[in-house]
Amino acid sequence: MSSDRPSDTLPSSVPKLDPSGVNFAVFSERFETAVRAKRLWGHFSGSTAKPQPRSTVPTQEEEDKVTKWDDDEAVAMYLLSQKLPDSAFLKVRNRRTVAERWAAIRDEFTHKGLHMQADI
């Protein structure tokens, strides 16, 4: 039985983000590439918005689209959580969407990574 659901693991070539941010450039490139291959990058970029029913009584097709989006969002959140240090995960865990979590991680670690590279 095959499924069109994306796998819930990332390849070992995607490193875990270092708490100092020193590897953010490599981490973010490899992470994005792997997530794009799973066709979930839109959840991180925010370009895949949650489908909204046209009326107060959604059709079965609309319900199915919302369910698929919710399932894909959950997988995307899990993929991100696998590669974050505990300290970073705890900082973003209350963000509502994976796009919000990714933006917070990107903003914090881009800054940290630049400082670490300047010190090298």
N, C-alpha and C. Protein backbone atom coordinates (compact mmCIF):
# COMPACT_ATOMS: atom_id res chain seq x y z
N MET A 1 0.84 -1.18 0.00
CA MET A 1 0.00 0.00 0.00
C MET A 1 0.88 1.24 0.00
N SER A 2 0.71 2.11 -0.97
CA SER A 2 1.52 3.31 -1.01
C SER A 2 0.73 4.49 -0.46
N SER A 3 1.45 5.52 -0.11
CA SER A 3 0.83 6.71 0.46
C SER A 3 1.45 7.93 -0.17
N ASP A 4 0.66 9.00 -0.28
CA ASP A 4 1.22 10.24 -0.80
C ASP A 4 1.69 11.14 0.34
N ARG A 5 1.71 10.61 1.55
CA ARG A 5 2.19 11.36 2.70
C ARG A 5 3.70 11.44 2.66
N PRO A 6 4.25 12.61 3.00
CA PRO A 6 5.70 12.72 3.05
C PRO A 6 6.27 11.93 4.23
N SER A 7 7.46 11.46 4.06
CA SER A 7 8.16 10.75 5.13
C SER A 7 8.39 11.71 6.30
N ASP A 8 8.43 11.16 7.50
CA ASP A 8 8.59 12.03 8.67
C ASP A 8 10.03 12.03 9.20
N THR A 9 10.99 11.75 8.34
CA THR A 9 12.39 11.83 8.74
C THR A 9 13.18 12.61 7.69
N LEU A 10 14.29 13.13 8.13
CA LEU A 10 15.21 13.84 7.24
C LEU A 10 16.48 13.02 7.10
N PRO A 11 17.18 13.17 5.97
CA PRO A 11 18.42 12.40 5.79
C PRO A 11 19.49 12.86 6.79
N SER A 12 20.43 11.98 7.05
CA SER A 12 21.51 12.30 8.00
C SER A 12 22.41 13.42 7.48
N SER A 13 22.33 13.74 6.20
CA SER A 13 23.14 14.84 5.66
C SER A 13 22.65 16.21 6.15
N VAL A 14 21.45 16.25 6.73
CA VAL A 14 20.96 17.51 7.31
C VAL A 14 21.43 17.54 8.76
N PRO A 15 22.37 18.43 9.08
CA PRO A 15 22.90 18.45 10.44
C PRO A 15 21.90 19.04 11.43
N LYS A 16 22.06 18.69 12.69
CA LYS A 16 21.29 19.34 13.74
C LYS A 16 21.86 20.74 13.91
N LEU A 17 21.00 21.71 14.10
CA LEU A 17 21.44 23.09 14.29
C LEU A 17 22.22 23.20 15.60
N ASP A 18 23.40 23.77 15.52
CA ASP A 18 24.21 23.97 16.72
C ASP A 18 23.62 25.12 17.54
N PRO A 19 23.56 25.00 18.87
CA PRO A 19 22.99 26.07 19.69
C PRO A 19 23.69 27.42 19.50
N SER A 20 24.95 27.40 19.12
CA SER A 20 25.68 28.66 18.92
C SER A 20 25.32 29.32 17.59
N GLY A 21 24.76 28.54 16.66
CA GLY A 21 24.42 29.07 15.34
C GLY A 21 25.56 28.99 14.34
N VAL A 22 26.69 28.44 14.73
CA VAL A 22 27.87 28.42 13.86
C VAL A 22 27.60 27.67 12.55
N ASN A 23 26.70 26.70 12.56
CA ASN A 23 26.44 25.92 11.35
C ASN A 23 25.12 26.31 10.68
N PHE A 24 24.58 27.47 10.99
CA PHE A 24 23.26 27.82 10.46
C PHE A 24 23.24 27.88 8.94
N ALA A 25 24.27 28.41 8.32
CA ALA A 25 24.27 28.52 6.85
C ALA A 25 24.14 27.15 6.19
N VAL A 26 24.93 26.19 6.64
CA VAL A 26 24.87 24.83 6.09
C VAL A 26 23.55 24.16 6.49
N PHE A 27 23.20 24.29 7.76
CA PHE A 27 21.95 23.70 8.23
C PHE A 27 20.76 24.19 7.41
N SER A 28 20.63 25.49 7.23
CA SER A 28 19.45 26.04 6.57
C SER A 28 19.37 25.62 5.10
N GLU A 29 20.52 25.57 4.41
CA GLU A 29 20.52 25.14 3.01
C GLU A 29 20.13 23.67 2.88
N ARG A 30 20.73 22.83 3.70
CA ARG A 30 20.42 21.39 3.61
C ARG A 30 19.01 21.09 4.09
N PHE A 31 18.58 21.80 5.13
CA PHE A 31 17.23 21.61 5.65
C PHE A 31 16.20 22.00 4.59
N GLU A 32 16.37 23.16 3.97
CA GLU A 32 15.43 23.60 2.94
C GLU A 32 15.40 22.62 1.76
N THR A 33 16.56 22.16 1.32
CA THR A 33 16.62 21.22 0.21
C THR A 33 15.85 19.94 0.53
N ALA A 34 16.06 19.41 1.73
CA ALA A 34 15.39 18.17 2.13
C ALA A 34 13.88 18.37 2.26
N VAL A 35 13.47 19.49 2.82
CA VAL A 35 12.05 19.76 3.01
C VAL A 35 11.37 20.02 1.66
N ARG A 36 12.08 20.68 0.75
CA ARG A 36 11.52 20.87 -0.61
C ARG A 36 11.30 19.52 -1.30
N ALA A 37 12.23 18.61 -1.10
CA ALA A 37 12.10 17.28 -1.70
C ALA A 37 10.87 16.55 -1.16
N LYS A 38 10.46 16.87 0.04
CA LYS A 38 9.27 16.28 0.63
C LYS A 38 8.00 17.08 0.29
N ARG A 39 8.18 18.13 -0.51
CA ARG A 39 7.08 18.99 -0.96
C ARG A 39 6.35 19.66 0.21
N LEU A 40 7.12 20.09 1.21
CA LEU A 40 6.54 20.75 2.38
C LEU A 40 7.09 22.15 2.60
N TRP A 41 7.95 22.63 1.71
CA TRP A 41 8.58 23.93 1.95
C TRP A 41 7.55 25.07 2.06
N GLY A 42 6.45 24.96 1.37
CA GLY A 42 5.42 26.00 1.44
C GLY A 42 4.91 26.23 2.85
N HIS A 43 4.95 25.21 3.68
CA HIS A 43 4.56 25.38 5.09
C HIS A 43 5.58 26.24 5.83
N PHE A 44 6.85 26.11 5.48
CA PHE A 44 7.91 26.89 6.12
C PHE A 44 7.94 28.32 5.60
N SER A 45 7.76 28.47 4.30
CA SER A 45 7.82 29.81 3.70
C SER A 45 6.53 30.59 3.91
N GLY A 46 5.47 29.89 4.26
CA GLY A 46 4.17 30.54 4.44
C GLY A 46 3.37 30.64 3.15
N SER A 47 3.90 30.10 2.06
CA SER A 47 3.20 30.20 0.77
C SER A 47 2.08 29.16 0.62
N THR A 48 2.06 28.16 1.49
CA THR A 48 0.99 27.18 1.47
C THR A 48 0.05 27.49 2.63
N ALA A 49 -0.93 28.33 2.36
CA ALA A 49 -1.86 28.75 3.41
C ALA A 49 -2.88 27.65 3.70
N LYS A 50 -3.38 27.66 4.92
CA LYS A 50 -4.41 26.69 5.29
C LYS A 50 -5.67 26.96 4.47
N PRO A 51 -6.20 25.94 3.81
CA PRO A 51 -7.41 26.14 3.01
C PRO A 51 -8.58 26.57 3.89
N GLN A 52 -9.38 27.46 3.38
CA GLN A 52 -10.56 27.94 4.10
C GLN A 52 -11.81 27.55 3.34
N PRO A 53 -12.77 26.92 4.01
CA PRO A 53 -14.03 26.58 3.35
C PRO A 53 -14.74 27.85 2.86
N ARG A 54 -15.49 27.71 1.78
CA ARG A 54 -16.19 28.86 1.18
C ARG A 54 -17.43 29.26 1.98
N SER A 55 -17.97 28.32 2.75
CA SER A 55 -19.18 28.64 3.54
C SER A 55 -19.03 28.02 4.92
N THR A 56 -20.04 28.22 5.76
CA THR A 56 -20.00 27.67 7.11
C THR A 56 -20.17 26.15 7.12
N VAL A 57 -20.68 25.61 6.03
CA VAL A 57 -20.81 24.16 5.90
C VAL A 57 -19.86 23.70 4.79
N PRO A 58 -18.66 23.24 5.19
CA PRO A 58 -17.68 22.85 4.17
C PRO A 58 -18.10 21.58 3.43
N THR A 59 -17.68 21.51 2.19
CA THR A 59 -17.90 20.30 1.40
C THR A 59 -16.91 19.24 1.86
N GLN A 60 -17.12 18.01 1.45
CA GLN A 60 -16.19 16.93 1.79
C GLN A 60 -14.81 17.22 1.20
N GLU A 61 -14.78 17.74 -0.01
CA GLU A 61 -13.51 18.07 -0.65
C GLU A 61 -12.77 19.15 0.17
N GLU A 62 -13.48 20.15 0.65
CA GLU A 62 -12.85 21.20 1.46
C GLU A 62 -12.35 20.63 2.77
N GLU A 63 -13.14 19.76 3.38
CA GLU A 63 -12.71 19.12 4.64
C GLU A 63 -11.45 18.29 4.41
N ASP A 64 -11.39 17.57 3.30
CA ASP A 64 -10.23 16.75 2.98
C ASP A 64 -8.98 17.61 2.78
N LYS A 65 -9.14 18.76 2.13
CA LYS A 65 -8.00 19.67 1.91
C LYS A 65 -7.49 20.23 3.23
N VAL A 66 -8.40 20.59 4.13
CA VAL A 66 -7.99 21.10 5.45
C VAL A 66 -7.28 20.00 6.23
N THR A 67 -7.81 18.80 6.19
CA THR A 67 -7.18 17.67 6.89
C THR A 67 -5.78 17.40 6.35
N LYS A 68 -5.62 17.41 5.03
CA LYS A 68 -4.30 17.19 4.44
C LYS A 68 -3.34 18.29 4.85
N TRP A 69 -3.80 19.54 4.84
CA TRP A 69 -2.94 20.66 5.24
C TRP A 69 -2.53 20.48 6.71
N ASP A 70 -3.48 20.16 7.58
CA ASP A 70 -3.17 19.95 8.99
C ASP A 70 -2.15 18.83 9.18
N ASP A 71 -2.33 17.73 8.44
CA ASP A 71 -1.39 16.61 8.53
C ASP A 71 0.01 17.02 8.06
N ASP A 72 0.08 17.72 6.92
CA ASP A 72 1.37 18.17 6.40
C ASP A 72 2.03 19.18 7.34
N GLU A 73 1.23 20.04 7.96
CA GLU A 73 1.77 21.02 8.92
C GLU A 73 2.37 20.29 10.12
N ALA A 74 1.69 19.26 10.59
CA ALA A 74 2.21 18.48 11.72
C ALA A 74 3.53 17.80 11.36
N VAL A 75 3.62 17.23 10.16
CA VAL A 75 4.87 16.61 9.71
C VAL A 75 5.96 17.67 9.61
N ALA A 76 5.64 18.83 9.06
CA ALA A 76 6.62 19.92 8.93
C ALA A 76 7.14 20.34 10.30
N MET A 77 6.25 20.49 11.27
CA MET A 77 6.68 20.86 12.63
C MET A 77 7.59 19.80 13.22
N TYR A 78 7.25 18.55 12.98
CA TYR A 78 8.06 17.46 13.50
C TYR A 78 9.45 17.45 12.85
N LEU A 79 9.50 17.65 11.54
CA LEU A 79 10.79 17.68 10.85
C LEU A 79 11.69 18.78 11.42
N LEU A 80 11.11 19.95 11.66
CA LEU A 80 11.89 21.04 12.24
C LEU A 80 12.36 20.68 13.65
N SER A 81 11.47 20.12 14.45
CA SER A 81 11.83 19.81 15.84
C SER A 81 12.96 18.79 15.92
N GLN A 82 13.08 17.90 14.93
CA GLN A 82 14.15 16.90 14.92
C GLN A 82 15.53 17.53 14.85
N LYS A 83 15.64 18.69 14.23
CA LYS A 83 16.95 19.28 13.93
C LYS A 83 17.27 20.51 14.76
N LEU A 84 16.43 20.83 15.74
CA LEU A 84 16.70 21.99 16.59
C LEU A 84 17.29 21.57 17.93
N PRO A 85 18.21 22.37 18.46
CA PRO A 85 18.65 22.11 19.83
C PRO A 85 17.48 22.38 20.77
N ASP A 86 17.49 21.75 21.93
CA ASP A 86 16.39 21.91 22.87
C ASP A 86 16.10 23.38 23.19
N SER A 87 17.14 24.17 23.37
CA SER A 87 16.95 25.57 23.73
C SER A 87 16.18 26.33 22.65
N ALA A 88 16.48 26.07 21.39
CA ALA A 88 15.77 26.73 20.29
C ALA A 88 14.34 26.22 20.18
N PHE A 89 14.16 24.92 20.34
CA PHE A 89 12.81 24.35 20.28
C PHE A 89 11.92 24.98 21.35
N LEU A 90 12.44 25.11 22.56
CA LEU A 90 11.64 25.69 23.64
C LEU A 90 11.28 27.14 23.38
N LYS A 91 12.16 27.87 22.69
CA LYS A 91 11.86 29.28 22.37
C LYS A 91 10.72 29.43 21.37
N VAL A 92 10.57 28.47 20.45
CA VAL A 92 9.58 28.62 19.38
C VAL A 92 8.35 27.73 19.55
N ARG A 93 8.31 26.91 20.56
CA ARG A 93 7.24 25.91 20.67
C ARG A 93 5.84 26.51 20.75
N ASN A 94 5.71 27.75 21.18
CA ASN A 94 4.39 28.37 21.29
C ASN A 94 3.97 29.12 20.03
N ARG A 95 4.81 29.13 19.02
CA ARG A 95 4.43 29.75 17.73
C ARG A 95 3.37 28.85 17.09
N ARG A 96 2.36 29.46 16.52
CA ARG A 96 1.19 28.74 16.03
C ARG A 96 1.46 27.90 14.80
N THR A 97 2.25 28.40 13.86
CA THR A 97 2.50 27.66 12.62
C THR A 97 3.98 27.39 12.45
N VAL A 98 4.29 26.44 11.58
CA VAL A 98 5.69 26.14 11.30
C VAL A 98 6.35 27.33 10.58
N ALA A 99 5.58 28.09 9.81
CA ALA A 99 6.15 29.28 9.15
C ALA A 99 6.59 30.30 10.20
N GLU A 100 5.81 30.47 11.25
CA GLU A 100 6.20 31.38 12.34
C GLU A 100 7.42 30.86 13.09
N ARG A 101 7.45 29.56 13.30
CA ARG A 101 8.61 28.96 13.99
C ARG A 101 9.87 29.12 13.14
N TRP A 102 9.77 28.83 11.85
CA TRP A 102 10.93 28.93 10.96
C TRP A 102 11.42 30.37 10.89
N ALA A 103 10.51 31.32 10.79
CA ALA A 103 10.91 32.74 10.72
C ALA A 103 11.67 33.14 11.99
N ALA A 104 11.21 32.70 13.15
CA ALA A 104 11.89 33.03 14.41
C ALA A 104 13.28 32.39 14.47
N ILE A 105 13.37 31.13 14.05
CA ILE A 105 14.67 30.44 14.03
C ILE A 105 15.61 31.14 13.06
N ARG A 106 15.12 31.40 11.86
CA ARG A 106 15.93 32.06 10.83
C ARG A 106 16.43 33.42 11.32
N ASP A 107 15.54 34.20 11.92
CA ASP A 107 15.94 35.53 12.39
C ASP A 107 17.00 35.44 13.49
N GLU A 108 16.80 34.56 14.44
CA GLU A 108 17.76 34.45 15.53
C GLU A 108 19.10 33.88 15.08
N PHE A 109 19.06 32.80 14.31
CA PHE A 109 20.30 32.11 13.99
C PHE A 109 21.06 32.72 12.81
N THR A 110 20.39 33.46 11.95
CA THR A 110 21.13 34.19 10.92
C THR A 110 22.04 35.19 11.61
N HIS A 111 21.50 35.87 12.59
CA HIS A 111 22.26 36.86 13.36
C HIS A 111 23.41 36.18 14.13
N LYS A 112 23.10 35.08 14.83
CA LYS A 112 24.14 34.36 15.58
C LYS A 112 25.22 33.82 14.65
N GLY A 113 24.80 33.25 13.53
CA GLY A 113 25.75 32.68 12.58
C GLY A 113 26.71 33.72 12.02
N LEU A 114 26.19 34.90 11.75
CA LEU A 114 27.05 35.97 11.23
C LEU A 114 28.10 36.39 12.27
N HIS A 115 27.68 36.45 13.52
CA HIS A 115 28.64 36.80 14.57
C HIS A 115 29.69 35.71 14.75
N MET A 116 29.26 34.45 14.67
CA MET A 116 30.22 33.35 14.82
C MET A 116 31.21 33.34 13.66
N GLN A 117 30.75 33.61 12.44
CA GLN A 117 31.64 33.62 11.27
C GLN A 117 32.62 34.77 11.38
N ALA A 118 32.19 35.90 11.93
CA ALA A 118 33.08 37.06 12.07
C ALA A 118 34.19 36.77 13.07
N ASP A 119 33.88 35.90 14.06
CA ASP A 119 34.88 35.56 15.08
C ASP A 119 35.89 34.54 14.58
N ILE A 120 35.63 33.88 13.46
CA ILE A 120 36.53 32.83 12.97
C ILE A 120 37.72 33.42 12.24
